[in-house]
Amino acid sequence: MPAARTVARIALSSFMVAAGTLHLTTQRQEFQAQVPDWFPVDPDLTVVASGVVEVGLGAAFIALPRRRRLVGGLLAAFFVAIFPGNIAQYVEGTDAFGLDTDTKRLLRLPFQPLLVLLALYAGGWVGKGRGREE
Protein backbone atom coordinates (compact mmCIF):
# COMPACT_ATOMS: atom_id res chain seq x y z
CA MET A 1 0.00 0.00 0.00
CA PRO A 2 1.39 3.43 -0.89
CA ALA A 3 2.69 5.46 2.04
CA ALA A 4 0.31 8.34 1.27
CA ARG A 5 -2.67 5.99 1.55
CA THR A 6 -1.37 4.66 4.88
CA VAL A 7 -0.84 8.19 6.21
CA ALA A 8 -4.36 9.15 5.09
CA ARG A 9 -5.82 6.06 6.78
CA ILE A 10 -4.02 6.72 10.06
CA ALA A 11 -4.85 10.44 10.02
CA LEU A 12 -8.53 9.82 9.29
CA SER A 13 -8.61 7.07 11.93
CA SER A 14 -7.17 9.41 14.54
CA PHE A 15 -9.60 12.16 13.58
CA MET A 16 -12.56 9.79 13.88
CA VAL A 17 -11.54 8.42 17.28
CA ALA A 18 -11.00 11.97 18.56
CA ALA A 19 -14.31 13.24 17.14
CA GLY A 20 -16.19 10.24 18.50
CA THR A 21 -14.65 10.74 21.92
CA LEU A 22 -15.76 14.38 21.87
CA HIS A 23 -19.30 13.22 20.98
CA LEU A 24 -19.31 11.18 24.15
CA THR A 25 -17.64 13.70 26.46
CA THR A 26 -16.96 17.45 26.45
CA GLN A 27 -18.64 18.47 23.18
CA ARG A 28 -21.83 16.47 23.55
CA GLN A 29 -24.11 19.52 23.70
CA GLU A 30 -22.41 21.14 20.70
CA PHE A 31 -23.04 18.00 18.66
CA GLN A 32 -26.66 17.88 19.86
CA ALA A 33 -27.16 21.33 18.36
CA GLN A 34 -26.31 19.85 14.97
CA VAL A 35 -29.04 17.21 15.05
CA PRO A 36 -31.80 18.53 12.77
CA ASP A 37 -35.20 19.28 14.31
CA TRP A 38 -36.84 16.89 11.84
CA PHE A 39 -34.66 13.90 12.79
CA PRO A 40 -36.95 11.39 14.56
CA VAL A 41 -34.44 10.24 17.23
CA ASP A 42 -33.62 12.01 20.49
CA PRO A 43 -30.63 14.35 19.88
CA ASP A 44 -28.63 12.98 22.82
CA LEU A 45 -29.14 9.38 21.68
CA THR A 46 -28.17 10.40 18.15
CA VAL A 47 -24.96 12.03 19.37
CA VAL A 48 -24.03 9.09 21.58
CA ALA A 49 -24.74 6.55 18.84
CA SER A 50 -22.82 8.51 16.21
CA GLY A 51 -19.93 8.93 18.65
CA VAL A 52 -19.77 5.18 19.24
CA VAL A 53 -19.84 4.58 15.48
CA GLU A 54 -17.07 7.13 14.93
CA VAL A 55 -14.82 5.59 17.59
CA GLY A 56 -15.53 2.11 16.24
CA LEU A 57 -14.84 2.97 12.60
CA GLY A 58 -11.75 4.99 13.50
CA ALA A 59 -10.34 2.20 15.65
CA ALA A 60 -11.14 -0.43 13.00
CA PHE A 61 -9.42 1.61 10.28
CA ILE A 62 -6.20 1.47 12.31
CA ALA A 63 -6.54 -1.98 13.88
CA LEU A 64 -7.75 -3.83 10.78
CA PRO A 65 -5.58 -2.69 7.86
CA ARG A 66 -6.47 -5.82 5.86
CA ARG A 67 -10.11 -4.76 6.06
CA ARG A 68 -9.35 -1.19 5.04
CA ARG A 69 -11.60 -1.40 1.95
CA LEU A 70 -14.58 -2.48 4.02
CA VAL A 71 -13.94 0.07 6.76
CA GLY A 72 -13.18 2.84 4.24
CA GLY A 73 -16.46 2.13 2.46
CA LEU A 74 -18.39 2.13 5.73
CA LEU A 75 -16.72 5.36 6.76
CA ALA A 76 -17.59 7.00 3.43
CA ALA A 77 -21.21 5.83 3.84
CA PHE A 78 -21.24 7.26 7.37
CA PHE A 79 -20.06 10.65 6.06
CA VAL A 80 -22.84 10.57 3.46
CA ALA A 81 -25.42 9.61 6.10
CA ILE A 82 -24.56 12.54 8.39
CA PHE A 83 -24.34 15.12 5.60
CA PRO A 84 -28.06 16.04 5.86
CA GLY A 85 -27.30 17.20 9.41
CA ASN A 86 -24.65 19.57 8.07
CA ILE A 87 -27.08 20.87 5.47
CA ALA A 88 -29.76 21.30 8.15
CA GLN A 89 -27.31 23.26 10.30
CA TYR A 90 -26.88 25.70 7.39
CA VAL A 91 -30.57 25.86 6.44
CA GLU A 92 -31.78 26.20 10.04
CA GLY A 93 -29.01 28.65 10.98
CA THR A 94 -27.89 26.62 13.98
CA ASP A 95 -24.76 27.85 15.76
CA ALA A 96 -22.28 25.18 16.86
CA PHE A 97 -18.50 24.79 16.88
CA GLY A 98 -17.89 28.41 15.96
CA LEU A 99 -20.10 28.14 12.89
CA ASP A 100 -22.07 31.20 13.88
CA THR A 101 -22.79 32.75 10.50
CA ASP A 102 -24.47 31.48 7.34
CA THR A 103 -21.20 32.03 5.46
CA LYS A 104 -19.22 29.83 7.86
CA ARG A 105 -21.89 27.13 7.79
CA LEU A 106 -21.98 27.24 3.99
CA LEU A 107 -18.19 27.09 3.66
CA ARG A 108 -18.18 23.95 5.80
CA LEU A 109 -20.43 21.98 3.46
CA PRO A 110 -17.84 21.16 0.75
CA PHE A 111 -15.61 19.50 3.33
CA GLN A 112 -18.03 16.58 3.78
CA PRO A 113 -17.61 15.31 0.19
CA LEU A 114 -13.85 15.67 0.68
CA LEU A 115 -14.08 13.43 3.76
CA VAL A 116 -16.00 10.89 1.66
CA LEU A 117 -13.23 10.94 -0.95
CA LEU A 118 -10.54 10.70 1.72
CA ALA A 119 -12.23 7.65 3.26
CA LEU A 120 -12.49 6.03 -0.17
CA TYR A 121 -8.87 6.84 -0.97
CA ALA A 122 -7.56 5.63 2.40
CA GLY A 123 -9.65 2.49 2.04
CA GLY A 124 -8.25 1.74 -1.39
CA TRP A 125 -11.42 2.39 -3.39
CA VAL A 126 -10.02 5.25 -5.47
CA GLY A 127 -6.56 6.23 -6.64
CA LYS A 128 -3.62 4.40 -8.09
CA GLY A 129 -3.21 0.87 -6.79
CA ARG A 130 -6.80 0.64 -5.62
CA GLY A 131 -8.06 -2.74 -4.61
CA ARG A 132 -4.72 -4.28 -3.70
CA GLU A 133 -4.39 -5.99 -0.36
CA GLU A 134 -1.35 -5.50 1.84
C-alpha atoms as a PDB file:
ATOM      1  CA  MET A   1       0.000   0.000   0.000  1.00  0.00           C
ATOM      2  CA  PRO A   2       1.393   3.429  -0.891  1.00  0.00           C
ATOM      3  CA  ALA A   3       2.691   5.463   2.040  1.00  0.00           C
ATOM      4  CA  ALA A   4       0.305   8.338   1.274  1.00  0.00           C
ATOM      5  CA  ARG A   5      -2.671   5.992   1.554  1.00  0.00           C
ATOM      6  CA  THR A   6      -1.371   4.656   4.881  1.00  0.00           C
ATOM      7  CA  VAL A   7      -0.843   8.188   6.209  1.00  0.00           C
ATOM      8  CA  ALA A   8      -4.357   9.153   5.095  1.00  0.00           C
ATOM      9  CA  ARG A   9      -5.824   6.063   6.779  1.00  0.00           C
ATOM     10  CA  ILE A  10      -4.019   6.720  10.057  1.00  0.00           C
ATOM     11  CA  ALA A  11      -4.853  10.442  10.023  1.00  0.00           C
ATOM     12  CA  LEU A  12      -8.525   9.819   9.294  1.00  0.00           C
ATOM     13  CA  SER A  13      -8.613   7.073  11.926  1.00  0.00           C
ATOM     14  CA  SER A  14      -7.169   9.407  14.539  1.00  0.00           C
ATOM     15  CA  PHE A  15      -9.601  12.164  13.580  1.00  0.00           C
ATOM     16  CA  MET A  16     -12.560   9.790  13.877  1.00  0.00           C
ATOM     17  CA  VAL A  17     -11.544   8.417  17.276  1.00  0.00           C
ATOM     18  CA  ALA A  18     -11.001  11.968  18.556  1.00  0.00           C
ATOM     19  CA  ALA A  19     -14.308  13.239  17.139  1.00  0.00           C
ATOM     20  CA  GLY A  20     -16.189  10.239  18.500  1.00  0.00           C
ATOM     21  CA  THR A  21     -14.650  10.745  21.924  1.00  0.00           C
ATOM     22  CA  LEU A  22     -15.763  14.382  21.870  1.00  0.00           C
ATOM     23  CA  HIS A  23     -19.296  13.220  20.977  1.00  0.00           C
ATOM     24  CA  LEU A  24     -19.310  11.185  24.154  1.00  0.00           C
ATOM     25  CA  THR A  25     -17.644  13.705  26.463  1.00  0.00           C
ATOM     26  CA  THR A  26     -16.957  17.448  26.454  1.00  0.00           C
ATOM     27  CA  GLN A  27     -18.636  18.470  23.181  1.00  0.00           C
ATOM     28  CA  ARG A  28     -21.832  16.470  23.547  1.00  0.00           C
ATOM     29  CA  GLN A  29     -24.111  19.520  23.698  1.00  0.00           C
ATOM     30  CA  GLU A  30     -22.410  21.138  20.699  1.00  0.00           C
ATOM     31  CA  PHE A  31     -23.044  17.998  18.663  1.00  0.00           C
ATOM     32  CA  GLN A  32     -26.663  17.877  19.859  1.00  0.00           C
ATOM     33  CA  ALA A  33     -27.158  21.333  18.361  1.00  0.00           C
ATOM     34  CA  GLN A  34     -26.306  19.851  14.968  1.00  0.00           C
ATOM     35  CA  VAL A  35     -29.043  17.209  15.048  1.00  0.00           C
ATOM     36  CA  PRO A  36     -31.802  18.528  12.766  1.00  0.00           C
ATOM     37  CA  ASP A  37     -35.197  19.278  14.306  1.00  0.00           C
ATOM     38  CA  TRP A  38     -36.844  16.890  11.843  1.00  0.00           C
ATOM     39  CA  PHE A  39     -34.660  13.899  12.786  1.00  0.00           C
ATOM     40  CA  PRO A  40     -36.954  11.395  14.564  1.00  0.00           C
ATOM     41  CA  VAL A  41     -34.445  10.243  17.228  1.00  0.00           C
ATOM     42  CA  ASP A  42     -33.618  12.010  20.487  1.00  0.00           C
ATOM     43  CA  PRO A  43     -30.635  14.349  19.879  1.00  0.00           C
ATOM     44  CA  ASP A  44     -28.630  12.985  22.816  1.00  0.00           C
ATOM     45  CA  LEU A  45     -29.139   9.382  21.679  1.00  0.00           C
ATOM     46  CA  THR A  46     -28.173  10.403  18.146  1.00  0.00           C
ATOM     47  CA  VAL A  47     -24.961  12.031  19.370  1.00  0.00           C
ATOM     48  CA  VAL A  48     -24.030   9.092  21.581  1.00  0.00           C
ATOM     49  CA  ALA A  49     -24.743   6.553  18.837  1.00  0.00           C
ATOM     50  CA  SER A  50     -22.817   8.506  16.212  1.00  0.00           C
ATOM     51  CA  GLY A  51     -19.929   8.927  18.652  1.00  0.00           C
ATOM     52  CA  VAL A  52     -19.770   5.184  19.243  1.00  0.00           C
ATOM     53  CA  VAL A  53     -19.840   4.579  15.481  1.00  0.00           C
ATOM     54  CA  GLU A  54     -17.067   7.125  14.927  1.00  0.00           C
ATOM     55  CA  VAL A  55     -14.824   5.588  17.586  1.00  0.00           C
ATOM     56  CA  GLY A  56     -15.530   2.109  16.235  1.00  0.00           C
ATOM     57  CA  LEU A  57     -14.839   2.974  12.603  1.00  0.00           C
ATOM     58  CA  GLY A  58     -11.755   4.986  13.502  1.00  0.00           C
ATOM     59  CA  ALA A  59     -10.337   2.199  15.647  1.00  0.00           C
ATOM     60  CA  ALA A  60     -11.142  -0.426  13.004  1.00  0.00           C
ATOM     61  CA  PHE A  61      -9.425   1.611  10.284  1.00  0.00           C
ATOM     62  CA  ILE A  62      -6.196   1.468  12.312  1.00  0.00           C
ATOM     63  CA  ALA A  63      -6.536  -1.976  13.876  1.00  0.00           C
ATOM     64  CA  LEU A  64      -7.754  -3.829  10.781  1.00  0.00           C
ATOM     65  CA  PRO A  65      -5.583  -2.692   7.859  1.00  0.00           C
ATOM     66  CA  ARG A  66      -6.468  -5.823   5.860  1.00  0.00           C
ATOM     67  CA  ARG A  67     -10.111  -4.764   6.061  1.00  0.00           C
ATOM     68  CA  ARG A  68      -9.353  -1.189   5.039  1.00  0.00           C
ATOM     69  CA  ARG A  69     -11.597  -1.399   1.952  1.00  0.00           C
ATOM     70  CA  LEU A  70     -14.583  -2.479   4.015  1.00  0.00           C
ATOM     71  CA  VAL A  71     -13.942   0.075   6.758  1.00  0.00           C
ATOM     72  CA  GLY A  72     -13.179   2.838   4.238  1.00  0.00           C
ATOM     73  CA  GLY A  73     -16.458   2.126   2.459  1.00  0.00           C
ATOM     74  CA  LEU A  74     -18.387   2.129   5.727  1.00  0.00           C
ATOM     75  CA  LEU A  75     -16.722   5.364   6.758  1.00  0.00           C
ATOM     76  CA  ALA A  76     -17.592   7.002   3.433  1.00  0.00           C
ATOM     77  CA  ALA A  77     -21.206   5.833   3.840  1.00  0.00           C
ATOM     78  CA  PHE A  78     -21.242   7.261   7.373  1.00  0.00           C
ATOM     79  CA  PHE A  79     -20.061  10.647   6.059  1.00  0.00           C
ATOM     80  CA  VAL A  80     -22.839  10.573   3.462  1.00  0.00           C
ATOM     81  CA  ALA A  81     -25.416   9.613   6.105  1.00  0.00           C
ATOM     82  CA  ILE A  82     -24.565  12.536   8.386  1.00  0.00           C
ATOM     83  CA  PHE A  83     -24.343  15.122   5.596  1.00  0.00           C
ATOM     84  CA  PRO A  84     -28.058  16.045   5.862  1.00  0.00           C
ATOM     85  CA  GLY A  85     -27.298  17.205   9.409  1.00  0.00           C
ATOM     86  CA  ASN A  86     -24.646  19.567   8.069  1.00  0.00           C
ATOM     87  CA  ILE A  87     -27.082  20.874   5.473  1.00  0.00           C
ATOM     88  CA  ALA A  88     -29.758  21.302   8.152  1.00  0.00           C
ATOM     89  CA  GLN A  89     -27.314  23.265  10.300  1.00  0.00           C
ATOM     90  CA  TYR A  90     -26.881  25.697   7.390  1.00  0.00           C
ATOM     91  CA  VAL A  91     -30.572  25.859   6.442  1.00  0.00           C
ATOM     92  CA  GLU A  92     -31.777  26.202  10.036  1.00  0.00           C
ATOM     93  CA  GLY A  93     -29.008  28.652  10.975  1.00  0.00           C
ATOM     94  CA  THR A  94     -27.893  26.619  13.985  1.00  0.00           C
ATOM     95  CA  ASP A  95     -24.758  27.853  15.759  1.00  0.00           C
ATOM     96  CA  ALA A  96     -22.276  25.181  16.859  1.00  0.00           C
ATOM     97  CA  PHE A  97     -18.496  24.789  16.883  1.00  0.00           C
ATOM     98  CA  GLY A  98     -17.891  28.413  15.965  1.00  0.00           C
ATOM     99  CA  LEU A  99     -20.097  28.138  12.894  1.00  0.00           C
ATOM    100  CA  ASP A 100     -22.072  31.204  13.881  1.00  0.00           C
ATOM    101  CA  THR A 101     -22.794  32.755  10.496  1.00  0.00           C
ATOM    102  CA  ASP A 102     -24.468  31.483   7.342  1.00  0.00           C
ATOM    103  CA  THR A 103     -21.203  32.026   5.461  1.00  0.00           C
ATOM    104  CA  LYS A 104     -19.220  29.830   7.864  1.00  0.00           C
ATOM    105  CA  ARG A 105     -21.891  27.131   7.790  1.00  0.00           C
ATOM    106  CA  LEU A 106     -21.981  27.244   3.990  1.00  0.00           C
ATOM    107  CA  LEU A 107     -18.194  27.089   3.656  1.00  0.00           C
ATOM    108  CA  ARG A 108     -18.179  23.952   5.803  1.00  0.00           C
ATOM    109  CA  LEU A 109     -20.429  21.976   3.456  1.00  0.00           C
ATOM    110  CA  PRO A 110     -17.837  21.156   0.748  1.00  0.00           C
ATOM    111  CA  PHE A 111     -15.606  19.498   3.333  1.00  0.00           C
ATOM    112  CA  GLN A 112     -18.025  16.584   3.783  1.00  0.00           C
ATOM    113  CA  PRO A 113     -17.611  15.311   0.190  1.00  0.00           C
ATOM    114  CA  LEU A 114     -13.846  15.673   0.683  1.00  0.00           C
ATOM    115  CA  LEU A 115     -14.083  13.432   3.758  1.00  0.00           C
ATOM    116  CA  VAL A 116     -16.003  10.885   1.659  1.00  0.00           C
ATOM    117  CA  LEU A 117     -13.235  10.942  -0.947  1.00  0.00           C
ATOM    118  CA  LEU A 118     -10.540  10.695   1.722  1.00  0.00           C
ATOM    119  CA  ALA A 119     -12.232   7.646   3.256  1.00  0.00           C
ATOM    120  CA  LEU A 120     -12.491   6.026  -0.170  1.00  0.00           C
ATOM    121  CA  TYR A 121      -8.872   6.842  -0.974  1.00  0.00           C
ATOM    122  CA  ALA A 122      -7.561   5.632   2.396  1.00  0.00           C
ATOM    123  CA  GLY A 123      -9.645   2.492   2.040  1.00  0.00           C
ATOM    124  CA  GLY A 124      -8.250   1.736  -1.393  1.00  0.00           C
ATOM    125  CA  TRP A 125     -11.424   2.388  -3.391  1.00  0.00           C
ATOM    126  CA  VAL A 126     -10.021   5.253  -5.467  1.00  0.00           C
ATOM    127  CA  GLY A 127      -6.565   6.230  -6.643  1.00  0.00           C
ATOM    128  CA  LYS A 128      -3.624   4.404  -8.095  1.00  0.00           C
ATOM    129  CA  GLY A 129      -3.211   0.873  -6.789  1.00  0.00           C
ATOM    130  CA  ARG A 130      -6.800   0.635  -5.624  1.00  0.00           C
ATOM    131  CA  GLY A 131      -8.060  -2.741  -4.609  1.00  0.00           C
ATOM    132  CA  ARG A 132      -4.722  -4.284  -3.703  1.00  0.00           C
ATOM    133  CA  GLU A 133      -4.390  -5.993  -0.361  1.00  0.00           C
ATOM    134  CA  GLU A 134      -1.350  -5.499   1.843  1.00  0.00           C
END
